Amino acid sequence: MPGALPLAGAAAVLVGAAVVASLMPAARASRVDVLQALGSE
């Protein structure tokens, strides 16, 4: 059974990857003009 430190490190890496993966599309969407996006449909 692994120790607590490698387990905590792996959990931190996975949480960090999840945060980055969710912030990238959110940052891109926040730069889009709403009226322009709605008008293109």
N, C-alpha and C. Protein backbone atom coordinates (compact mmCIF):
# COMPACT_ATOMS: atom_id res chain seq x y z
N MET A 1 0.85 -1.19 0.00
CA MET A 1 0.00 0.00 0.00
C MET A 1 0.89 1.25 0.00
N PRO A 2 0.61 2.16 -0.91
CA PRO A 2 1.49 3.34 -1.00
C PRO A 2 1.32 4.26 0.20
N GLY A 3 2.34 5.07 0.40
CA GLY A 3 2.28 6.04 1.48
C GLY A 3 1.33 7.17 1.17
N ALA A 4 1.16 8.05 2.11
CA ALA A 4 0.21 9.14 1.94
C ALA A 4 0.77 10.23 1.02
N LEU A 5 2.07 10.42 1.01
CA LEU A 5 2.65 11.50 0.20
C LEU A 5 2.49 11.27 -1.30
N PRO A 6 2.82 10.10 -1.84
CA PRO A 6 2.59 9.90 -3.29
C PRO A 6 1.11 9.96 -3.66
N LEU A 7 0.26 9.48 -2.77
CA LEU A 7 -1.16 9.51 -3.05
C LEU A 7 -1.67 10.95 -3.08
N ALA A 8 -1.21 11.77 -2.15
CA ALA A 8 -1.61 13.18 -2.12
C ALA A 8 -1.03 13.92 -3.33
N GLY A 9 0.17 13.57 -3.73
CA GLY A 9 0.77 14.20 -4.91
C GLY A 9 0.00 13.88 -6.18
N ALA A 10 -0.39 12.62 -6.33
CA ALA A 10 -1.16 12.22 -7.51
C ALA A 10 -2.52 12.91 -7.52
N ALA A 11 -3.14 13.02 -6.35
CA ALA A 11 -4.43 13.70 -6.27
C ALA A 11 -4.29 15.17 -6.63
N ALA A 12 -3.20 15.81 -6.18
CA ALA A 12 -2.98 17.22 -6.49
C ALA A 12 -2.77 17.43 -7.99
N VAL A 13 -2.05 16.51 -8.62
CA VAL A 13 -1.82 16.62 -10.07
C VAL A 13 -3.13 16.47 -10.82
N LEU A 14 -3.97 15.52 -10.41
CA LEU A 14 -5.24 15.32 -11.10
C LEU A 14 -6.18 16.51 -10.89
N VAL A 15 -6.21 17.06 -9.70
CA VAL A 15 -7.06 18.22 -9.45
C VAL A 15 -6.55 19.42 -10.24
N GLY A 16 -5.24 19.60 -10.29
CA GLY A 16 -4.68 20.69 -11.07
C GLY A 16 -5.00 20.57 -12.55
N ALA A 17 -4.91 19.35 -13.09
CA ALA A 17 -5.24 19.15 -14.50
C ALA A 17 -6.72 19.42 -14.76
N ALA A 18 -7.58 19.03 -13.83
CA ALA A 18 -9.01 19.27 -14.00
C ALA A 18 -9.33 20.76 -13.97
N VAL A 19 -8.65 21.50 -13.09
CA VAL A 19 -8.89 22.95 -13.01
C VAL A 19 -8.43 23.64 -14.28
N VAL A 20 -7.26 23.27 -14.78
CA VAL A 20 -6.77 23.88 -16.02
C VAL A 20 -7.67 23.52 -17.19
N ALA A 21 -8.13 22.27 -17.24
CA ALA A 21 -8.97 21.84 -18.36
C ALA A 21 -10.33 22.54 -18.34
N SER A 22 -10.80 22.94 -17.17
CA SER A 22 -12.08 23.63 -17.14
C SER A 22 -11.93 25.14 -17.28
N LEU A 23 -10.79 25.69 -16.93
CA LEU A 23 -10.60 27.14 -17.04
C LEU A 23 -10.28 27.58 -18.47
N MET A 24 -9.64 26.72 -19.25
CA MET A 24 -9.27 27.12 -20.61
C MET A 24 -10.50 27.43 -21.47
N PRO A 25 -11.50 26.55 -21.56
CA PRO A 25 -12.69 26.92 -22.35
C PRO A 25 -13.47 28.08 -21.74
N ALA A 26 -13.48 28.19 -20.42
CA ALA A 26 -14.20 29.29 -19.79
C ALA A 26 -13.54 30.62 -20.12
N ALA A 27 -12.23 30.67 -20.14
CA ALA A 27 -11.53 31.90 -20.49
C ALA A 27 -11.77 32.26 -21.97
N ARG A 28 -11.81 31.26 -22.81
CA ARG A 28 -12.07 31.52 -24.23
C ARG A 28 -13.50 32.02 -24.42
N ALA A 29 -14.45 31.44 -23.69
CA ALA A 29 -15.84 31.85 -23.84
C ALA A 29 -16.08 33.25 -23.29
N SER A 30 -15.30 33.66 -22.32
CA SER A 30 -15.51 34.99 -21.74
C SER A 30 -15.04 36.10 -22.67
N ARG A 31 -14.23 35.76 -23.67
CA ARG A 31 -13.76 36.78 -24.62
C ARG A 31 -14.71 36.96 -25.80
N VAL A 32 -15.74 36.12 -25.90
CA VAL A 32 -16.67 36.18 -27.03
C VAL A 32 -17.74 37.21 -26.74
N ASP A 33 -18.04 38.05 -27.72
CA ASP A 33 -19.12 39.03 -27.59
C ASP A 33 -20.45 38.31 -27.70
N VAL A 34 -21.31 38.50 -26.72
CA VAL A 34 -22.57 37.75 -26.66
C VAL A 34 -23.47 38.08 -27.84
N LEU A 35 -23.60 39.36 -28.14
CA LEU A 35 -24.50 39.74 -29.24
C LEU A 35 -23.99 39.23 -30.59
N GLN A 36 -22.68 39.21 -30.76
CA GLN A 36 -22.12 38.70 -32.00
C GLN A 36 -22.34 37.19 -32.10
N ALA A 37 -22.18 36.49 -30.99
CA ALA A 37 -22.36 35.04 -31.00
C ALA A 37 -23.83 34.68 -31.26
N LEU A 38 -24.75 35.44 -30.66
CA LEU A 38 -26.17 35.16 -30.87
C LEU A 38 -26.62 35.56 -32.28
N GLY A 39 -26.02 36.58 -32.82
CA GLY A 39 -26.40 37.03 -34.15
C GLY A 39 -25.91 36.13 -35.27
N SER A 40 -24.91 35.31 -35.00
CA SER A 40 -24.37 34.45 -36.04
C SER A 40 -25.20 33.19 -36.24
N GLU A 41 -26.15 32.92 -35.34
CA GLU A 41 -26.96 31.71 -35.48
C GLU A 41 -28.18 31.95 -36.34
